[in-house]
Amino acid sequence: ESADVFFGSNTIQVANKINKCPILAIPGE
C-alpha cells in the first residue's frame, strides 16, 4: 500500500464489509 491510501485499502474493505466487531486501525510504524 502506498502512502496516499486513506486508512489503508485493506482496513477500509474490512470496515465496510464487517460491521459486527470493533476494528482498531494503527497507523504507520
Full PDB file with SEQRES, HELIX, SHEET, SSBOND, CRYST1, ORIGX, SCALE, CONECT and MASTER records, all heavy atoms in Angstrom:
SEQRES   1 A   29  GLU SER ALA ASP VAL PHE PHE GLY SER ASN THR ILE GLN          
SEQRES   2 A   29  VAL ALA ASN LYS ILE ASN LYS CYS PRO ILE LEU ALA ILE          
SEQRES   3 A   29  PRO GLY GLU                                                  
HELIX    1 AA1 SER A    9  LYS A   17  1                                   9    
CRYST1    1.000    1.000    1.000  90.00  90.00  90.00 P 1           1          
ORIGX1      1.000000  0.000000  0.000000        0.00000                         
ORIGX2      0.000000  1.000000  0.000000        0.00000                         
ORIGX3      0.000000  0.000000  1.000000        0.00000                         
SCALE1      1.000000  0.000000  0.000000        0.00000                         
SCALE2      0.000000  1.000000  0.000000        0.00000                         
SCALE3      0.000000  0.000000  1.000000        0.00000                         
ATOM      1  N   GLU A   1       0.827  -1.198   0.000  1.00  0.00           N  
ATOM      2  CA  GLU A   1       0.000   0.000   0.000  1.00  0.00           C  
ATOM      3  C   GLU A   1       0.867   1.256   0.000  1.00  0.00           C  
ATOM      4  O   GLU A   1       1.797   1.381   0.774  1.00  0.00           O  
ATOM      5  CB  GLU A   1      -0.929  -0.005   1.222  1.00  0.00           C  
ATOM      6  CG  GLU A   1      -1.927  -1.150   1.157  1.00  0.00           C  
ATOM      7  CD  GLU A   1      -2.923  -1.084   2.295  1.00  0.00           C  
ATOM      8  OE1 GLU A   1      -3.435   0.014   2.540  1.00  0.00           O  
ATOM      9  OE2 GLU A   1      -3.176  -2.109   2.923  1.00  0.00           O  
ATOM     10  N   SER A   2       0.526   2.182  -0.875  1.00  0.00           N  
ATOM     11  CA  SER A   2       1.282   3.421  -0.977  1.00  0.00           C  
ATOM     12  C   SER A   2       0.819   4.419   0.068  1.00  0.00           C  
ATOM     13  O   SER A   2      -0.219   4.258   0.691  1.00  0.00           O  
ATOM     14  CB  SER A   2       1.122   4.019  -2.377  1.00  0.00           C  
ATOM     15  OG  SER A   2      -0.244   4.290  -2.635  1.00  0.00           O  
ATOM     16  N   ALA A   3       1.585   5.477   0.237  1.00  0.00           N  
ATOM     17  CA  ALA A   3       1.320   6.440   1.315  1.00  0.00           C  
ATOM     18  C   ALA A   3       0.046   7.248   1.100  1.00  0.00           C  
ATOM     19  O   ALA A   3      -0.441   7.889   2.009  1.00  0.00           O  
ATOM     20  CB  ALA A   3       2.504   7.386   1.457  1.00  0.00           C  
ATOM     21  N   ASP A   4      -0.507   7.237  -0.112  1.00  0.00           N  
ATOM     22  CA  ASP A   4      -1.685   8.061  -0.360  1.00  0.00           C  
ATOM     23  C   ASP A   4      -2.982   7.270  -0.253  1.00  0.00           C  
ATOM     24  O   ASP A   4      -4.030   7.707  -0.695  1.00  0.00           O  
ATOM     25  CB  ASP A   4      -1.605   8.739  -1.742  1.00  0.00           C  
ATOM     26  CG  ASP A   4      -1.578   7.738  -2.880  1.00  0.00           C  
ATOM     27  OD1 ASP A   4      -1.407   6.531  -2.604  1.00  0.00           O  
ATOM     28  OD2 ASP A   4      -1.729   8.166  -4.038  1.00  0.00           O  
ATOM     29  N   VAL A   5      -2.922   6.089   0.356  1.00  0.00           N  
ATOM     30  CA  VAL A   5      -4.139   5.297   0.538  1.00  0.00           C  
ATOM     31  C   VAL A   5      -4.761   5.662   1.880  1.00  0.00           C  
ATOM     32  O   VAL A   5      -4.138   5.509   2.916  1.00  0.00           O  
ATOM     33  CB  VAL A   5      -3.831   3.785   0.496  1.00  0.00           C  
ATOM     34  CG1 VAL A   5      -5.090   2.983   0.731  1.00  0.00           C  
ATOM     35  CG2 VAL A   5      -3.243   3.415  -0.858  1.00  0.00           C  
ATOM     36  N   PHE A   6      -5.989   6.141   1.848  1.00  0.00           N  
ATOM     37  CA  PHE A   6      -6.666   6.591   3.066  1.00  0.00           C  
ATOM     38  C   PHE A   6      -6.968   5.403   3.974  1.00  0.00           C  
ATOM     39  O   PHE A   6      -7.678   4.485   3.593  1.00  0.00           O  
ATOM     40  CB  PHE A   6      -7.953   7.312   2.683  1.00  0.00           C  
ATOM     41  CG  PHE A   6      -8.797   7.701   3.864  1.00  0.00           C  
ATOM     42  CD1 PHE A   6      -8.271   8.455   4.885  1.00  0.00           C  
ATOM     43  CD2 PHE A   6     -10.124   7.323   3.933  1.00  0.00           C  
ATOM     44  CE1 PHE A   6      -9.044   8.828   5.962  1.00  0.00           C  
ATOM     45  CE2 PHE A   6     -10.905   7.691   4.999  1.00  0.00           C  
ATOM     46  CZ  PHE A   6     -10.370   8.448   6.016  1.00  0.00           C  
ATOM     47  N   PHE A   7      -6.394   5.417   5.188  1.00  0.00           N  
ATOM     48  CA  PHE A   7      -6.546   4.370   6.195  1.00  0.00           C  
ATOM     49  C   PHE A   7      -5.934   3.038   5.783  1.00  0.00           C  
ATOM     50  O   PHE A   7      -5.811   2.148   6.593  1.00  0.00           O  
ATOM     51  CB  PHE A   7      -8.030   4.110   6.527  1.00  0.00           C  
ATOM     52  CG  PHE A   7      -8.687   5.208   7.277  1.00  0.00           C  
ATOM     53  CD1 PHE A   7     -10.027   5.465   7.100  1.00  0.00           C  
ATOM     54  CD2 PHE A   7      -7.974   5.997   8.165  1.00  0.00           C  
ATOM     55  CE1 PHE A   7     -10.652   6.477   7.797  1.00  0.00           C  
ATOM     56  CE2 PHE A   7      -8.589   7.015   8.866  1.00  0.00           C  
ATOM     57  CZ  PHE A   7      -9.930   7.248   8.671  1.00  0.00           C  
ATOM     58  N   GLY A   8      -5.571   2.868   4.517  1.00  0.00           N  
ATOM     59  CA  GLY A   8      -5.140   1.560   4.045  1.00  0.00           C  
ATOM     60  C   GLY A   8      -6.322   0.855   3.418  1.00  0.00           C  
ATOM     61  O   GLY A   8      -7.400   0.761   4.005  1.00  0.00           O  
ATOM     62  N   SER A   9      -6.170   0.383   2.213  1.00  0.00           N  
ATOM     63  CA  SER A   9      -7.302  -0.198   1.486  1.00  0.00           C  
ATOM     64  C   SER A   9      -7.859  -1.425   2.194  1.00  0.00           C  
ATOM     65  O   SER A   9      -9.069  -1.634   2.237  1.00  0.00           O  
ATOM     66  CB  SER A   9      -6.880  -0.549   0.053  1.00  0.00           C  
ATOM     67  OG  SER A   9      -5.826  -1.486   0.056  1.00  0.00           O  
ATOM     68  N   ASN A  10      -6.998  -2.277   2.761  1.00  0.00           N  
ATOM     69  CA  ASN A  10      -7.488  -3.464   3.449  1.00  0.00           C  
ATOM     70  C   ASN A  10      -8.345  -3.098   4.652  1.00  0.00           C  
ATOM     71  O   ASN A  10      -9.393  -3.702   4.899  1.00  0.00           O  
ATOM     72  CB  ASN A  10      -6.309  -4.333   3.910  1.00  0.00           C  
ATOM     73  CG  ASN A  10      -5.749  -5.178   2.787  1.00  0.00           C  
ATOM     74  OD1 ASN A  10      -6.432  -5.444   1.800  1.00  0.00           O  
ATOM     75  ND2 ASN A  10      -4.512  -5.600   2.931  1.00  0.00           N  
ATOM     76  N   THR A  11      -7.918  -2.098   5.406  1.00  0.00           N  
ATOM     77  CA  THR A  11      -8.663  -1.678   6.589  1.00  0.00           C  
ATOM     78  C   THR A  11     -10.049  -1.176   6.211  1.00  0.00           C  
ATOM     79  O   THR A  11     -11.045  -1.513   6.862  1.00  0.00           O  
ATOM     80  CB  THR A  11      -7.901  -0.574   7.353  1.00  0.00           C  
ATOM     81  OG1 THR A  11      -6.578  -1.029   7.611  1.00  0.00           O  
ATOM     82  CG2 THR A  11      -8.586  -0.243   8.659  1.00  0.00           C  
ATOM     83  N   ILE A  12     -10.116  -0.370   5.156  1.00  0.00           N  
ATOM     84  CA  ILE A  12     -11.408   0.156   4.723  1.00  0.00           C  
ATOM     85  C   ILE A  12     -12.301  -0.956   4.188  1.00  0.00           C  
ATOM     86  O   ILE A  12     -13.507  -0.991   4.445  1.00  0.00           O  
ATOM     87  CB  ILE A  12     -11.205   1.261   3.657  1.00  0.00           C  
ATOM     88  CG1 ILE A  12     -10.895   2.577   4.358  1.00  0.00           C  
ATOM     89  CG2 ILE A  12     -12.439   1.442   2.788  1.00  0.00           C  
ATOM     90  CD1 ILE A  12     -12.000   3.070   5.281  1.00  0.00           C  
ATOM     91  N   GLN A  13     -11.736  -1.896   3.437  1.00  0.00           N  
ATOM     92  CA  GLN A  13     -12.529  -3.023   2.942  1.00  0.00           C  
ATOM     93  C   GLN A  13     -13.131  -3.811   4.091  1.00  0.00           C  
ATOM     94  O   GLN A  13     -14.312  -4.173   4.070  1.00  0.00           O  
ATOM     95  CB  GLN A  13     -11.654  -3.942   2.082  1.00  0.00           C  
ATOM     96  CG  GLN A  13     -11.319  -3.389   0.709  1.00  0.00           C  
ATOM     97  CD  GLN A  13     -10.408  -4.319  -0.058  1.00  0.00           C  
ATOM     98  OE1 GLN A  13     -10.388  -5.527   0.180  1.00  0.00           O  
ATOM     99  NE2 GLN A  13      -9.623  -3.758  -0.965  1.00  0.00           N  
ATOM    100  N   VAL A  14     -12.332  -4.078   5.109  1.00  0.00           N  
ATOM    101  CA  VAL A  14     -12.821  -4.819   6.273  1.00  0.00           C  
ATOM    102  C   VAL A  14     -13.892  -4.017   7.005  1.00  0.00           C  
ATOM    103  O   VAL A  14     -14.937  -4.551   7.383  1.00  0.00           O  
ATOM    104  CB  VAL A  14     -11.652  -5.165   7.223  1.00  0.00           C  
ATOM    105  CG1 VAL A  14     -12.168  -5.768   8.528  1.00  0.00           C  
ATOM    106  CG2 VAL A  14     -10.688  -6.131   6.544  1.00  0.00           C  
ATOM    107  N   ALA A  15     -13.656  -2.715   7.189  1.00  0.00           N  
ATOM    108  CA  ALA A  15     -14.624  -1.870   7.889  1.00  0.00           C  
ATOM    109  C   ALA A  15     -15.947  -1.792   7.141  1.00  0.00           C  
ATOM    110  O   ALA A  15     -17.021  -1.771   7.751  1.00  0.00           O  
ATOM    111  CB  ALA A  15     -14.048  -0.470   8.082  1.00  0.00           C  
ATOM    112  N   ASN A  16     -15.894  -1.740   5.815  1.00  0.00           N  
ATOM    113  CA  ASN A  16     -17.117  -1.614   5.018  1.00  0.00           C  
ATOM    114  C   ASN A  16     -17.897  -2.916   4.926  1.00  0.00           C  
ATOM    115  O   ASN A  16     -19.112  -2.911   4.746  1.00  0.00           O  
ATOM    116  CB  ASN A  16     -16.779  -1.117   3.615  1.00  0.00           C  
ATOM    117  CG  ASN A  16     -16.460   0.372   3.589  1.00  0.00           C  
ATOM    118  OD1 ASN A  16     -16.879   1.121   4.471  1.00  0.00           O  
ATOM    119  ND2 ASN A  16     -15.724   0.806   2.589  1.00  0.00           N  
ATOM    120  N   LYS A  17     -17.221  -4.045   5.051  1.00  0.00           N  
ATOM    121  CA  LYS A  17     -17.894  -5.337   4.891  1.00  0.00           C  
ATOM    122  C   LYS A  17     -18.189  -6.037   6.211  1.00  0.00           C  
ATOM    123  O   LYS A  17     -19.017  -6.936   6.271  1.00  0.00           O  
ATOM    124  CB  LYS A  17     -17.050  -6.258   3.998  1.00  0.00           C  
ATOM    125  CG  LYS A  17     -16.959  -5.792   2.549  1.00  0.00           C  
ATOM    126  CD  LYS A  17     -16.184  -6.774   1.697  1.00  0.00           C  
ATOM    127  CE  LYS A  17     -16.103  -6.312   0.240  1.00  0.00           C  
ATOM    128  NZ  LYS A  17     -17.411  -6.324  -0.414  1.00  0.00           N  
ATOM    129  N   ILE A  18     -17.493  -5.635   7.262  1.00  0.00           N  
ATOM    130  CA  ILE A  18     -17.674  -6.290   8.556  1.00  0.00           C  
ATOM    131  C   ILE A  18     -18.127  -5.267   9.580  1.00  0.00           C  
ATOM    132  O   ILE A  18     -17.344  -4.443  10.038  1.00  0.00           O  
ATOM    133  CB  ILE A  18     -16.365  -6.959   9.020  1.00  0.00           C  
ATOM    134  CG1 ILE A  18     -15.944  -8.039   8.013  1.00  0.00           C  
ATOM    135  CG2 ILE A  18     -16.529  -7.564  10.412  1.00  0.00           C  
ATOM    136  CD1 ILE A  18     -14.598  -8.641   8.283  1.00  0.00           C  
ATOM    137  N   ASN A  19     -19.399  -5.313   9.921  1.00  0.00           N  
ATOM    138  CA  ASN A  19     -19.929  -4.349  10.889  1.00  0.00           C  
ATOM    139  C   ASN A  19     -20.541  -5.092  12.075  1.00  0.00           C  
ATOM    140  O   ASN A  19     -21.671  -4.848  12.469  1.00  0.00           O  
ATOM    141  CB  ASN A  19     -20.965  -3.440  10.228  1.00  0.00           C  
ATOM    142  CG  ASN A  19     -21.238  -2.194  11.071  1.00  0.00           C  
ATOM    143  OD1 ASN A  19     -20.489  -1.874  11.988  1.00  0.00           O  
ATOM    144  ND2 ASN A  19     -22.322  -1.516  10.790  1.00  0.00           N  
ATOM    145  N   LYS A  20     -19.760  -6.018  12.600  1.00  0.00           N  
ATOM    146  CA  LYS A  20     -20.224  -6.780  13.762  1.00  0.00           C  
ATOM    147  C   LYS A  20     -19.143  -6.879  14.838  1.00  0.00           C  
ATOM    148  O   LYS A  20     -19.355  -7.521  15.862  1.00  0.00           O  
ATOM    149  CB  LYS A  20     -20.665  -8.183  13.339  1.00  0.00           C  
ATOM    150  CG  LYS A  20     -19.596  -8.973  12.623  1.00  0.00           C  
ATOM    151  CD  LYS A  20     -20.141 -10.251  11.990  1.00  0.00           C  
ATOM    152  CE  LYS A  20     -20.598 -11.255  13.021  1.00  0.00           C  
ATOM    153  NZ  LYS A  20     -20.949 -12.551  12.421  1.00  0.00           N  
ATOM    154  N   CYS A  21     -17.985  -6.256  14.584  1.00  0.00           N  
ATOM    155  CA  CYS A  21     -16.877  -6.329  15.535  1.00  0.00           C  
ATOM    156  C   CYS A  21     -16.073  -5.040  15.439  1.00  0.00           C  
ATOM    157  O   CYS A  21     -15.837  -4.542  14.334  1.00  0.00           O  
ATOM    158  CB  CYS A  21     -15.991  -7.529  15.196  1.00  0.00           C  
ATOM    159  SG  CYS A  21     -14.610  -7.794  16.348  1.00  0.00           S  
ATOM    160  N   PRO A  22     -15.657  -4.465  16.560  1.00  0.00           N  
ATOM    161  CA  PRO A  22     -14.841  -3.242  16.506  1.00  0.00           C  
ATOM    162  C   PRO A  22     -13.491  -3.506  15.834  1.00  0.00           C  
ATOM    163  O   PRO A  22     -12.933  -4.601  15.940  1.00  0.00           O  
ATOM    164  CB  PRO A  22     -14.667  -2.855  17.978  1.00  0.00           C  
ATOM    165  CG  PRO A  22     -14.940  -4.099  18.750  1.00  0.00           C  
ATOM    166  CD  PRO A  22     -15.937  -4.882  17.957  1.00  0.00           C  
ATOM    167  N   ILE A  23     -12.994  -2.474  15.154  1.00  0.00           N  
ATOM    168  CA  ILE A  23     -11.720  -2.564  14.453  1.00  0.00           C  
ATOM    169  C   ILE A  23     -10.811  -1.448  14.960  1.00  0.00           C  
ATOM    170  O   ILE A  23     -11.208  -0.284  14.982  1.00  0.00           O  
ATOM    171  CB  ILE A  23     -11.913  -2.414  12.932  1.00  0.00           C  
ATOM    172  CG1 ILE A  23     -12.833  -3.509  12.396  1.00  0.00           C  
ATOM    173  CG2 ILE A  23     -10.565  -2.450  12.204  1.00  0.00           C  
ATOM    174  CD1 ILE A  23     -13.300  -3.256  10.963  1.00  0.00           C  
ATOM    175  N   LEU A  24      -9.613  -1.806  15.355  1.00  0.00           N  
ATOM    176  CA  LEU A  24      -8.631  -0.819  15.776  1.00  0.00           C  
ATOM    177  C   LEU A  24      -7.555  -0.740  14.705  1.00  0.00           C  
ATOM    178  O   LEU A  24      -6.823  -1.703  14.470  1.00  0.00           O  
ATOM    179  CB  LEU A  24      -8.013  -1.200  17.126  1.00  0.00           C  
ATOM    180  CG  LEU A  24      -6.949  -0.254  17.684  1.00  0.00           C  
ATOM    181  CD1 LEU A  24      -7.522   1.148  17.889  1.00  0.00           C  
ATOM    182  CD2 LEU A  24      -6.364  -0.799  18.986  1.00  0.00           C  
ATOM    183  N   ALA A  25      -7.467   0.401  14.027  1.00  0.00           N  
ATOM    184  CA  ALA A  25      -6.502   0.601  12.942  1.00  0.00           C  
ATOM    185  C   ALA A  25      -5.325   1.420  13.469  1.00  0.00           C  
ATOM    186  O   ALA A  25      -5.506   2.524  13.979  1.00  0.00           O  
ATOM    187  CB  ALA A  25      -7.160   1.303  11.771  1.00  0.00           C  
ATOM    188  N   ILE A  26      -4.128   0.866  13.328  1.00  0.00           N  
ATOM    189  CA  ILE A  26      -2.924   1.522  13.837  1.00  0.00           C  
ATOM    190  C   ILE A  26      -2.117   2.076  12.667  1.00  0.00           C  
ATOM    191  O   ILE A  26      -1.751   1.328  11.762  1.00  0.00           O  
ATOM    192  CB  ILE A  26      -2.053   0.543  14.655  1.00  0.00           C  
ATOM    193  CG1 ILE A  26      -2.893  -0.121  15.744  1.00  0.00           C  
ATOM    194  CG2 ILE A  26      -0.862   1.272  15.252  1.00  0.00           C  
ATOM    195  CD1 ILE A  26      -3.516   0.840  16.728  1.00  0.00           C  
ATOM    196  N   PRO A  27      -1.815   3.373  12.675  1.00  0.00           N  
ATOM    197  CA  PRO A  27      -1.130   3.992  11.537  1.00  0.00           C  
ATOM    198  C   PRO A  27       0.389   3.859  11.572  1.00  0.00           C  
ATOM    199  O   PRO A  27       1.013   4.007  12.615  1.00  0.00           O  
ATOM    200  CB  PRO A  27      -1.523   5.467  11.677  1.00  0.00           C  
ATOM    201  CG  PRO A  27      -1.675   5.654  13.157  1.00  0.00           C  
ATOM    202  CD  PRO A  27      -2.174   4.345  13.711  1.00  0.00           C  
ATOM    203  N   GLY A  28       0.960   3.569  10.431  1.00  0.00           N  
ATOM    204  CA  GLY A  28       2.405   3.621  10.282  1.00  0.00           C  
ATOM    205  C   GLY A  28       3.181   2.787  11.276  1.00  0.00           C  
ATOM    206  O   GLY A  28       2.666   1.833  11.866  1.00  0.00           O  
ATOM    207  N   GLU A  29       4.421   3.121  11.451  1.00  0.00           N  
ATOM    208  CA  GLU A  29       5.298   2.411  12.372  1.00  0.00           C  
ATOM    209  C   GLU A  29       5.487   3.251  13.630  1.00  0.00           C  
ATOM    210  O   GLU A  29       6.584   3.686  13.975  1.00  0.00           O  
ATOM    211  CB  GLU A  29       6.630   2.104  11.687  1.00  0.00           C  
ATOM    212  CG  GLU A  29       6.458   1.205  10.472  1.00  0.00           C  
ATOM    213  CD  GLU A  29       7.731   1.016   9.691  1.00  0.00           C  
ATOM    214  OE1 GLU A  29       8.824   1.158  10.290  1.00  0.00           O  
ATOM    215  OE2 GLU A  29       7.654   0.732   8.478  1.00  0.00           O  
TER     216      GLU A  29                                                      
MASTER        0    0    0    1    0    0    0    6  215    1    0    3          
END                                                                             
